[in-house]
PDB file of N, CA and C in Angstrom:
ATOM      1  N   UNK A   1     157.246  95.140  73.265  1.00  0.00           N
ATOM      2  CA  UNK A   1     156.436  96.252  73.839  1.00  0.00           C
ATOM      3  C   UNK A   1     157.188  96.173  75.251  1.00  0.00           C
ATOM      4  N   UNK A   2     157.480  97.456  75.988  1.00  0.00           N
ATOM      5  CA  UNK A   2     158.077  97.530  77.116  1.00  0.00           C
ATOM      6  C   UNK A   2     156.847  98.113  78.089  1.00  0.00           C
ATOM      7  N   UNK A   3     156.545  97.554  79.080  1.00  0.00           N
ATOM      8  CA  UNK A   3     155.556  97.985  80.111  1.00  0.00           C
ATOM      9  C   UNK A   3     156.139  98.414  81.353  1.00  0.00           C
ATOM     10  N   UNK A   4     155.957  99.670  81.483  1.00  0.00           N
ATOM     11  CA  UNK A   4     156.504 100.286  83.010  1.00  0.00           C
ATOM     12  C   UNK A   4     155.610 100.114  83.932  1.00  0.00           C
ATOM     13  N   UNK A   5     155.995  99.503  85.269  1.00  0.00           N
ATOM     14  CA  UNK A   5     155.128  99.660  86.216  1.00  0.00           C
ATOM     15  C   UNK A   5     155.018 101.069  87.117  1.00  0.00           C
ATOM     16  N   UNK A   6     154.046 101.411  87.657  1.00  0.00           N
ATOM     17  CA  UNK A   6     154.258 102.584  88.355  1.00  0.00           C
ATOM     18  C   UNK A   6     154.033 102.039  89.746  1.00  0.00           C
ATOM     19  N   UNK A   7     155.088 102.781  90.499  1.00  0.00           N
ATOM     20  CA  UNK A   7     155.070 102.310  91.810  1.00  0.00           C
ATOM     21  C   UNK A   7     154.377 103.480  92.659  1.00  0.00           C
ATOM     22  N   UNK A   8     153.536 102.890  93.462  1.00  0.00           N
ATOM     23  CA  UNK A   8     152.620 103.696  94.307  1.00  0.00           C
ATOM     24  C   UNK A   8     152.867 103.452  95.859  1.00  0.00           C
ATOM     25  N   UNK A   9     152.600 104.415  96.495  1.00  0.00           N
ATOM     26  CA  UNK A   9     152.577 104.291  98.198  1.00  0.00           C
ATOM     27  C   UNK A   9     151.094 104.614  98.591  1.00  0.00           C
ATOM     28  N   UNK A  10     150.826 103.945  99.545  1.00  0.00           N
ATOM     29  CA  UNK A  10     149.549 104.051 100.289  1.00  0.00           C
ATOM     30  C   UNK A  10     149.863 104.967 101.586  1.00  0.00           C
ATOM     31  N   UNK A  11     148.869 105.702 101.857  1.00  0.00           N
ATOM     32  CA  UNK A  11     148.889 106.611 103.009  1.00  0.00           C
ATOM     33  C   UNK A  11     147.638 106.926 103.717  1.00  0.00           C
ATOM     34  N   UNK A  12     147.619 107.144 104.841  1.00  0.00           N
ATOM     35  CA  UNK A  12     146.360 107.449 105.431  1.00  0.00           C
ATOM     36  C   UNK A  12     146.548 108.948 105.907  1.00  0.00           C
ATOM     37  N   UNK A  13     145.444 109.631 105.892  1.00  0.00           N
ATOM     38  CA  UNK A  13     145.566 111.050 106.226  1.00  0.00           C
ATOM     39  C   UNK A  13     144.211 111.448 106.836  1.00  0.00           C
ATOM     40  N   UNK A  14     144.314 112.470 107.731  1.00  0.00           N
ATOM     41  CA  UNK A  14     143.198 112.975 108.437  1.00  0.00           C
ATOM     42  C   UNK A  14     142.846 114.183 107.806  1.00  0.00           C
ATOM     43  N   UNK A  15     141.301 114.392 107.639  1.00  0.00           N
ATOM     44  CA  UNK A  15     140.796 115.548 107.145  1.00  0.00           C
ATOM     45  C   UNK A  15     139.622 116.223 107.903  1.00  0.00           C
ATOM     46  N   UNK A  16     139.566 117.322 108.127  1.00  0.00           N
ATOM     47  CA  UNK A  16     138.358 118.128 108.559  1.00  0.00           C
ATOM     48  C   UNK A  16     137.193 117.328 107.684  1.00  0.00           C
ATOM     49  N   UNK A  17     136.017 117.259 108.709  1.00  0.00           N
ATOM     50  CA  UNK A  17     134.859 116.519 108.062  1.00  0.00           C
ATOM     51  C   UNK A  17     134.334 117.552 106.896  1.00  0.00           C
ATOM     52  N   UNK A  18     134.399 118.735 106.817  1.00  0.00           N
ATOM     53  CA  UNK A  18     133.961 119.692 106.041  1.00  0.00           C
ATOM     54  C   UNK A  18     134.735 119.507 104.508  1.00  0.00           C
ATOM     55  N   UNK A  19     136.113 119.352 104.725  1.00  0.00           N
ATOM     56  CA  UNK A  19     136.872 119.359 103.346  1.00  0.00           C
ATOM     57  C   UNK A  19     136.680 118.018 102.937  1.00  0.00           C
ATOM     58  N   UNK A  20     136.640 116.947 103.833  1.00  0.00           N
ATOM     59  CA  UNK A  20     136.135 115.889 103.173  1.00  0.00           C
ATOM     60  C   UNK A  20     135.104 115.765 102.273  1.00  0.00           C
ATOM     61  N   UNK A  21     134.202 116.080 102.987  1.00  0.00           N
ATOM     62  CA  UNK A  21     132.873 116.329 102.111  1.00  0.00           C
ATOM     63  C   UNK A  21     132.850 117.012 100.690  1.00  0.00           C
ATOM     64  N   UNK A  22     133.521 118.105 100.970  1.00  0.00           N
ATOM     65  CA  UNK A  22     133.859 118.955  99.695  1.00  0.00           C
ATOM     66  C   UNK A  22     134.668 117.871  98.580  1.00  0.00           C
ATOM     67  N   UNK A  23     135.699 117.082  99.042  1.00  0.00           N
ATOM     68  CA  UNK A  23     136.545 116.490  98.224  1.00  0.00           C
ATOM     69  C   UNK A  23     135.672 115.549  97.617  1.00  0.00           C
ATOM     70  N   UNK A  24     134.670 114.721  98.549  1.00  0.00           N
ATOM     71  CA  UNK A  24     133.834 113.683  97.792  1.00  0.00           C
ATOM     72  C   UNK A  24     132.967 114.372  97.005  1.00  0.00           C
ATOM     73  N   UNK A  25     132.269 115.271  97.278  1.00  0.00           N
ATOM     74  CA  UNK A  25     131.379 116.009  95.998  1.00  0.00           C
ATOM     75  C   UNK A  25     131.964 116.146  94.786  1.00  0.00           C
ATOM     76  N   UNK A  26     133.371 116.651  94.907  1.00  0.00           N
ATOM     77  CA  UNK A  26     133.835 117.088  93.589  1.00  0.00           C
ATOM     78  C   UNK A  26     134.403 115.866  92.891  1.00  0.00           C
ATOM     79  N   UNK A  27     134.802 114.934  93.649  1.00  0.00           N
ATOM     80  CA  UNK A  27     135.216 113.703  92.844  1.00  0.00           C
ATOM     81  C   UNK A  27     134.103 112.752  92.353  1.00  0.00           C
ATOM     82  N   UNK A  28     133.003 112.852  93.046  1.00  0.00           N
ATOM     83  CA  UNK A  28     131.615 112.113  92.429  1.00  0.00           C
ATOM     84  C   UNK A  28     131.508 112.721  91.193  1.00  0.00           C
ATOM     85  N   UNK A  29     131.283 114.115  91.419  1.00  0.00           N
ATOM     86  CA  UNK A  29     131.138 114.832  90.105  1.00  0.00           C
ATOM     87  C   UNK A  29     131.992 114.636  88.966  1.00  0.00           C
ATOM     88  N   UNK A  30     133.361 114.319  89.422  1.00  0.00           N
ATOM     89  CA  UNK A  30     134.080 114.162  88.097  1.00  0.00           C
ATOM     90  C   UNK A  30     134.283 112.790  87.741  1.00  0.00           C
ATOM     91  N   UNK A  31     133.636 111.813  88.630  1.00  0.00           N
ATOM     92  CA  UNK A  31     133.271 110.475  88.275  1.00  0.00           C
ATOM     93  C   UNK A  31     134.546 109.497  88.371  1.00  0.00           C
ATOM     94  N   UNK A  32     135.349 110.012  89.230  1.00  0.00           N
ATOM     95  CA  UNK A  32     136.936 109.477  89.550  1.00  0.00           C
ATOM     96  C   UNK A  32     136.831 108.706  91.154  1.00  0.00           C
ATOM     97  N   UNK A  33     137.674 107.956  91.027  1.00  0.00           N
ATOM     98  CA  UNK A  33     137.834 107.118  92.314  1.00  0.00           C
ATOM     99  C   UNK A  33     138.635 107.915  93.160  1.00  0.00           C
ATOM    100  N   UNK A  34     138.558 107.899  94.481  1.00  0.00           N
ATOM    101  CA  UNK A  34     139.250 108.784  95.526  1.00  0.00           C
ATOM    102  C   UNK A  34     140.827 108.837  95.154  1.00  0.00           C
ATOM    103  N   UNK A  35     141.345 107.816  95.050  1.00  0.00           N
ATOM    104  CA  UNK A  35     143.015 108.028  94.819  1.00  0.00           C
ATOM    105  C   UNK A  35     143.163 108.665  93.576  1.00  0.00           C
ATOM    106  N   UNK A  36     142.570 108.415  92.473  1.00  0.00           N
ATOM    107  CA  UNK A  36     142.666 109.015  91.340  1.00  0.00           C
ATOM    108  C   UNK A  36     142.574 110.647  91.342  1.00  0.00           C
ATOM    109  N   UNK A  37     141.144 111.030  91.931  1.00  0.00           N
ATOM    110  CA  UNK A  37     140.794 112.230  92.173  1.00  0.00           C
ATOM    111  C   UNK A  37     142.048 113.132  93.041  1.00  0.00           C
ATOM    112  N   UNK A  38     142.542 112.611  94.092  1.00  0.00           N
ATOM    113  CA  UNK A  38     143.453 112.875  95.195  1.00  0.00           C
ATOM    114  C   UNK A  38     144.788 113.036  94.732  1.00  0.00           C
ATOM    115  N   UNK A  39     145.385 112.239  93.705  1.00  0.00           N
ATOM    116  CA  UNK A  39     146.506 112.220  92.929  1.00  0.00           C
ATOM    117  C   UNK A  39     146.476 113.495  91.765  1.00  0.00           C
ATOM    118  N   UNK A  40     145.406 113.668  91.371  1.00  0.00           N
ATOM    119  CA  UNK A  40     145.321 114.805  90.260  1.00  0.00           C
ATOM    120  C   UNK A  40     145.518 116.112  91.116  1.00  0.00           C
ATOM    121  N   UNK A  41     144.542 116.201  92.149  1.00  0.00           N
ATOM    122  CA  UNK A  41     144.506 117.241  92.995  1.00  0.00           C
ATOM    123  C   UNK A  41     145.936 117.751  93.529  1.00  0.00           C
ATOM    124  N   UNK A  42     146.566 116.815  94.075  1.00  0.00           N
ATOM    125  CA  UNK A  42     147.886 116.912  94.545  1.00  0.00           C
ATOM    126  C   UNK A  42     149.027 117.278  93.338  1.00  0.00           C
ATOM    127  N   UNK A  43     148.936 116.598  92.179  1.00  0.00           N
ATOM    128  CA  UNK A  43     149.936 117.022  91.149  1.00  0.00           C
ATOM    129  C   UNK A  43     149.625 118.508  90.593  1.00  0.00           C
ATOM    130  N   UNK A  44     148.213 118.912  90.517  1.00  0.00           N
ATOM    131  CA  UNK A  44     147.675 120.289  90.133  1.00  0.00           C
ATOM    132  C   UNK A  44     148.177 121.139  91.149  1.00  0.00           C
ATOM    133  N   UNK A  45     148.116 120.883  92.476  1.00  0.00           N
ATOM    134  CA  UNK A  45     148.588 121.802  93.424  1.00  0.00           C
ATOM    135  C   UNK A  45     150.277 122.096  93.372  1.00  0.00           C
ATOM    136  N   UNK A  46     150.720 120.980  93.089  1.00  0.00           N
ATOM    137  CA  UNK A  46     152.281 121.148  93.028  1.00  0.00           C
ATOM    138  C   UNK A  46     152.854 121.845  91.942  1.00  0.00           C
ATOM    139  N   UNK A  47     152.122 121.560  90.668  1.00  0.00           N
ATOM    140  CA  UNK A  47     152.469 122.302  89.422  1.00  0.00           C
ATOM    141  C   UNK A  47     152.004 123.885  89.668  1.00  0.00           C
ATOM    142  N   UNK A  48     150.901 124.140  90.133  1.00  0.00           N
ATOM    143  CA  UNK A  48     150.747 125.595  90.539  1.00  0.00           C
ATOM    144  C   UNK A  48     151.659 126.465  91.518  1.00  0.00           C
ATOM    145  N   UNK A  49     151.885 125.464  92.411  1.00  0.00           N
ATOM    146  CA  UNK A  49     153.047 125.914  93.395  1.00  0.00           C
ATOM    147  C   UNK A  49     154.194 126.103  92.729  1.00  0.00           C
ATOM    148  N   UNK A  50     154.779 125.437  92.013  1.00  0.00           N
ATOM    149  CA  UNK A  50     156.034 125.557  91.160  1.00  0.00           C
ATOM    150  C   UNK A  50     155.975 126.771  90.395  1.00  0.00           C
ATOM    151  N   UNK A  51     154.932 126.843  89.640  1.00  0.00           N
ATOM    152  CA  UNK A  51     154.607 128.145  88.760  1.00  0.00           C
ATOM    153  C   UNK A  51     154.667 129.294  89.448  1.00  0.00           C
ATOM    154  N   UNK A  52     153.898 129.494  90.658  1.00  0.00           N
ATOM    155  CA  UNK A  52     154.182 130.576  91.668  1.00  0.00           C
ATOM    156  C   UNK A  52     155.222 130.919  91.981  1.00  0.00           C
ATOM    157  N   UNK A  53     156.110 129.869  92.545  1.00  0.00           N
ATOM    158  CA  UNK A  53     157.497 130.343  93.038  1.00  0.00           C
ATOM    159  C   UNK A  53     158.263 130.977  91.743  1.00  0.00           C
ATOM    160  N   UNK A  54     158.095 130.416  90.579  1.00  0.00           N
ATOM    161  CA  UNK A  54     159.019 130.998  89.481  1.00  0.00           C
ATOM    162  C   UNK A  54     158.469 132.200  89.103  1.00  0.00           C
ATOM    163  N   UNK A  55     157.281 132.596  89.357  1.00  0.00           N
ATOM    164  CA  UNK A  55     156.801 133.956  89.088  1.00  0.00           C
ATOM    165  C   UNK A  55     157.033 135.191  90.143  1.00  0.00           C
ATOM    166  N   UNK A  56     157.185 134.536  91.511  1.00  0.00           N
ATOM    167  CA  UNK A  56     157.640 135.082  92.579  1.00  0.00           C
ATOM    168  C   UNK A  56     159.018 135.549  92.538  1.00  0.00           C
ATOM    169  N   UNK A  57     159.843 134.369  91.895  1.00  0.00           N
ATOM    170  CA  UNK A  57     161.431 134.785  91.768  1.00  0.00           C
ATOM    171  C   UNK A  57     161.646 135.630  90.661  1.00  0.00           C
ATOM    172  N   UNK A  58     160.842 135.656  89.734  1.00  0.00           N
ATOM    173  CA  UNK A  58     161.031 136.722  88.711  1.00  0.00           C
ATOM    174  C   UNK A  58     160.769 138.158  89.035  1.00  0.00           C
ATOM    175  N   UNK A  59     159.703 138.290  89.689  1.00  0.00           N
ATOM    176  CA  UNK A  59     159.480 139.655  90.397  1.00  0.00           C
ATOM    177  C   UNK A  59     160.421 140.172  91.157  1.00  0.00           C
ATOM    178  N   UNK A  60     160.754 139.348  92.231  1.00  0.00           N
ATOM    179  CA  UNK A  60     161.756 139.531  93.261  1.00  0.00           C
ATOM    180  C   UNK A  60     163.144 139.903  92.508  1.00  0.00           C
ATOM    181  N   UNK A  61     163.513 139.351  91.293  1.00  0.00           N
ATOM    182  CA  UNK A  61     164.734 139.819  90.909  1.00  0.00           C
ATOM    183  C   UNK A  61     164.718 141.182  90.043  1.00  0.00           C
ATOM    184  N   UNK A  62     163.490 141.691  89.748  1.00  0.00           N
ATOM    185  CA  UNK A  62     163.282 143.032  89.308  1.00  0.00           C
ATOM    186  C   UNK A  62     163.033 143.950  90.405  1.00  0.00           C
ATOM    187  N   UNK A  63     162.668 143.316  91.795  1.00  0.00           N
ATOM    188  CA  UNK A  63     162.588 144.403  92.869  1.00  0.00           C
ATOM    189  C   UNK A  63     163.975 144.661  93.203  1.00  0.00           C
ATOM    190  N   UNK A  64     164.745 143.475  93.440  1.00  0.00           N
ATOM    191  CA  UNK A  64     166.069 143.941  93.765  1.00  0.00           C
ATOM    192  C   UNK A  64     166.973 144.444  92.795  1.00  0.00           C
ATOM    193  N   UNK A  65     166.972 144.415  91.679  1.00  0.00           N
ATOM    194  CA  UNK A  65     167.489 145.114  90.520  1.00  0.00           C
ATOM    195  C   UNK A  65     166.554 145.626  89.343  1.00  0.00           C
ATOM    196  N   UNK A  66     166.033 146.693  89.677  1.00  0.00           N
ATOM    197  CA  UNK A  66     164.971 147.193  88.582  1.00  0.00           C
ATOM    198  C   UNK A  66     165.549 147.561  87.561  1.00  0.00           C
ATOM    199  N   UNK A  67     164.741 147.183  86.397  1.00  0.00           N
ATOM    200  CA  UNK A  67     164.950 147.610  84.980  1.00  0.00           C
ATOM    201  C   UNK A  67     164.132 148.715  84.445  1.00  0.00           C
ATOM    202  N   UNK A  68     164.418 149.878  84.935  1.00  0.00           N
ATOM    203  CA  UNK A  68     163.576 151.068  84.634  1.00  0.00           C
ATOM    204  C   UNK A  68     163.320 151.353  83.146  1.00  0.00           C
ATOM    205  N   UNK A  69     164.311 150.846  82.440  1.00  0.00           N
ATOM    206  CA  UNK A  69     164.143 151.074  80.916  1.00  0.00           C
ATOM    207  C   UNK A  69     163.549 149.988  80.016  1.00  0.00           C
ATOM    208  N   UNK A  70     162.837 149.109  80.844  1.00  0.00           N
ATOM    209  CA  UNK A  70     162.100 148.138  80.022  1.00  0.00           C
ATOM    210  C   UNK A  70     160.430 148.375  80.078  1.00  0.00           C
ATOM    211  N   UNK A  71     160.116 148.700  79.052  1.00  0.00           N
ATOM    212  CA  UNK A  71     158.651 149.132  79.023  1.00  0.00           C
ATOM    213  C   UNK A  71     157.672 147.633  79.235  1.00  0.00           C
ATOM    214  N   UNK A  72     158.182 146.677  78.649  1.00  0.00           N
ATOM    215  CA  UNK A  72     157.334 145.387  78.573  1.00  0.00           C
ATOM    216  C   UNK A  72     157.442 145.108  79.990  1.00  0.00           C
ATOM    217  N   UNK A  73     158.364 145.105  80.803  1.00  0.00           N
ATOM    218  CA  UNK A  73     158.261 144.877  82.351  1.00  0.00           C
ATOM    219  C   UNK A  73     157.532 145.734  82.971  1.00  0.00           C
ATOM    220  N   UNK A  74     157.571 147.176  82.749  1.00  0.00           N
ATOM    221  CA  UNK A  74     156.694 148.078  83.385  1.00  0.00           C
ATOM    222  C   UNK A  74     155.151 147.600  83.385  1.00  0.00           C
ATOM    223  N   UNK A  75     154.839 147.319  81.923  1.00  0.00           N
ATOM    224  CA  UNK A  75     153.435 147.000  81.614  1.00  0.00           C
ATOM    225  C   UNK A  75     153.106 145.766  82.387  1.00  0.00           C
ATOM    226  N   UNK A  76     153.941 144.759  82.043  1.00  0.00           N
ATOM    227  CA  UNK A  76     153.467 143.441  82.946  1.00  0.00           C
ATOM    228  C   UNK A  76     153.441 143.615  84.440  1.00  0.00           C
ATOM    229  N   UNK A  77     154.295 144.307  85.066  1.00  0.00           N
ATOM    230  CA  UNK A  77     154.152 144.610  86.251  1.00  0.00           C
ATOM    231  C   UNK A  77     152.787 145.363  86.918  1.00  0.00           C
ATOM    232  N   UNK A  78     152.678 146.297  85.876  1.00  0.00           N
ATOM    233  CA  UNK A  78     151.325 147.047  86.450  1.00  0.00           C
ATOM    234  C   UNK A  78     150.119 146.251  86.315  1.00  0.00           C
ATOM    235  N   UNK A  79     149.830 145.554  85.255  1.00  0.00           N
ATOM    236  CA  UNK A  79     148.616 144.559  85.036  1.00  0.00           C
ATOM    237  C   UNK A  79     148.881 143.245  85.801  1.00  0.00           C
ATOM    238  N   UNK A  80     150.024 142.929  86.328  1.00  0.00           N
ATOM    239  CA  UNK A  80     150.399 141.623  87.312  1.00  0.00           C
ATOM    240  C   UNK A  80     150.195 140.436  86.046  1.00  0.00           C
ATOM    241  N   UNK A  81     150.789 140.650  85.107  1.00  0.00           N
ATOM    242  CA  UNK A  81     150.729 139.691  84.031  1.00  0.00           C
ATOM    243  C   UNK A  81     149.752 138.764  83.994  1.00  0.00           C
ATOM    244  N   UNK A  82     148.492 139.564  83.873  1.00  0.00           N
ATOM    245  CA  UNK A  82     147.315 139.041  83.599  1.00  0.00           C
ATOM    246  C   UNK A  82     146.878 138.466  82.403  1.00  0.00           C
ATOM    247  N   UNK A  83     147.398 139.037  81.362  1.00  0.00           N
ATOM    248  CA  UNK A  83     146.858 138.714  79.938  1.00  0.00           C
ATOM    249  C   UNK A  83     148.064 138.165  79.057  1.00  0.00           C
ATOM    250  N   UNK A  84     148.365 137.017  79.341  1.00  0.00           N
ATOM    251  CA  UNK A  84     149.680 136.630  78.705  1.00  0.00           C
ATOM    252  C   UNK A  84     149.208 135.689  77.449  1.00  0.00           C
ATOM    253  N   UNK A  85     150.105 135.720  76.511  1.00  0.00           N
ATOM    254  CA  UNK A  85     149.654 134.926  75.178  1.00  0.00           C
ATOM    255  C   UNK A  85     149.928 133.472  75.394  1.00  0.00           C
ATOM    256  N   UNK A  86     149.100 132.825  76.272  1.00  0.00           N
ATOM    257  CA  UNK A  86     149.038 131.503  76.386  1.00  0.00           C
ATOM    258  C   UNK A  86     147.874 130.984  76.902  1.00  0.00           C
ATOM    259  N   UNK A  87     147.659 129.668  76.457  1.00  0.00           N
ATOM    260  CA  UNK A  87     146.561 128.958  77.134  1.00  0.00           C
ATOM    261  C   UNK A  87     146.818 128.614  78.539  1.00  0.00           C
ATOM    262  N   UNK A  88     147.853 128.558  79.020  1.00  0.00           N
ATOM    263  CA  UNK A  88     148.161 128.301  80.421  1.00  0.00           C
ATOM    264  C   UNK A  88     147.676 129.140  81.316  1.00  0.00           C
ATOM    265  N   UNK A  89     147.101 128.648  82.417  1.00  0.00           N
ATOM    266  CA  UNK A  89     146.908 129.574  83.569  1.00  0.00           C
ATOM    267  C   UNK A  89     148.068 130.048  84.285  1.00  0.00           C
ATOM    268  N   UNK A  90     147.832 131.243  84.592  1.00  0.00           N
ATOM    269  CA  UNK A  90     148.928 131.975  85.498  1.00  0.00           C
ATOM    270  C   UNK A  90     148.623 132.223  86.752  1.00  0.00           C
ATOM    271  N   UNK A  91     149.284 132.056  87.810  1.00  0.00           N
ATOM    272  CA  UNK A  91     149.177 132.717  89.191  1.00  0.00           C
ATOM    273  C   UNK A  91     149.150 134.099  89.185  1.00  0.00           C
ATOM    274  N   UNK A  92     148.509 134.809  90.170  1.00  0.00           N
ATOM    275  CA  UNK A  92     148.572 136.231  90.425  1.00  0.00           C
ATOM    276  C   UNK A  92     150.139 136.641  90.563  1.00  0.00           C
ATOM    277  N   UNK A  93     150.425 138.015  90.188  1.00  0.00           N
ATOM    278  CA  UNK A  93     151.810 138.419  90.604  1.00  0.00           C
ATOM    279  C   UNK A  93     151.626 138.862  91.974  1.00  0.00           C
ATOM    280  N   UNK A  94     152.346 138.986  92.872  1.00  0.00           N
ATOM    281  CA  UNK A  94     152.544 139.190  94.236  1.00  0.00           C
ATOM    282  C   UNK A  94     151.977 140.711  94.301  1.00  0.00           C
ATOM    283  N   UNK A  95     151.269 141.025  95.443  1.00  0.00           N
ATOM    284  CA  UNK A  95     150.444 142.360  95.536  1.00  0.00           C
ATOM    285  C   UNK A  95     151.318 143.488  95.234  1.00  0.00           C
ATOM    286  N   UNK A  96     152.780 143.327  95.918  1.00  0.00           N
ATOM    287  CA  UNK A  96     153.356 144.338  96.012  1.00  0.00           C
ATOM    288  C   UNK A  96     154.160 144.644  94.493  1.00  0.00           C
ATOM    289  N   UNK A  97     153.704 143.864  93.518  1.00  0.00           N
ATOM    290  CA  UNK A  97     154.226 143.966  92.346  1.00  0.00           C
ATOM    291  C   UNK A  97     153.385 144.544  91.200  1.00  0.00           C
ATOM    292  N   UNK A  98     152.166 144.604  91.958  1.00  0.00           N
ATOM    293  CA  UNK A  98     150.793 144.855  91.006  1.00  0.00           C
ATOM    294  C   UNK A  98     150.699 146.306  90.360  1.00  0.00           C
ATOM    295  N   UNK A  99     151.704 147.221  91.355  1.00  0.00           N
ATOM    296  CA  UNK A  99     151.300 148.685  91.009  1.00  0.00           C
ATOM    297  C   UNK A  99     150.259 148.934  91.399  1.00  0.00           C
ATOM    298  N   UNK A 100     149.775 148.486  92.672  1.00  0.00           N
ATOM    299  CA  UNK A 100     148.558 149.183  93.286  1.00  0.00           C
ATOM    300  C   UNK A 100     149.070 150.086  94.437  1.00  0.00           C
TER     301      UNK A 100
END
């Protein structure tokens, strides 16, 4: 059996009092210790940010080189790809790509 050690780093951060209270409330509700909760929150933020960057790049590509003959893209652009066939949550399309 191979056991891999997880390397961690300690850090100290300053938070506004209101944000700290919100974090504490949420983490107590989840019954997690502060480090575990903040690690999960940071990982979730980075995952969502990466996904949003991919969505933005996708729409930017079509803004630069429109494909007017693709009815699927036109439909997705119009609804802001709100209803994708997946259990995964998707960020919103950029406002200028939503056809508003």
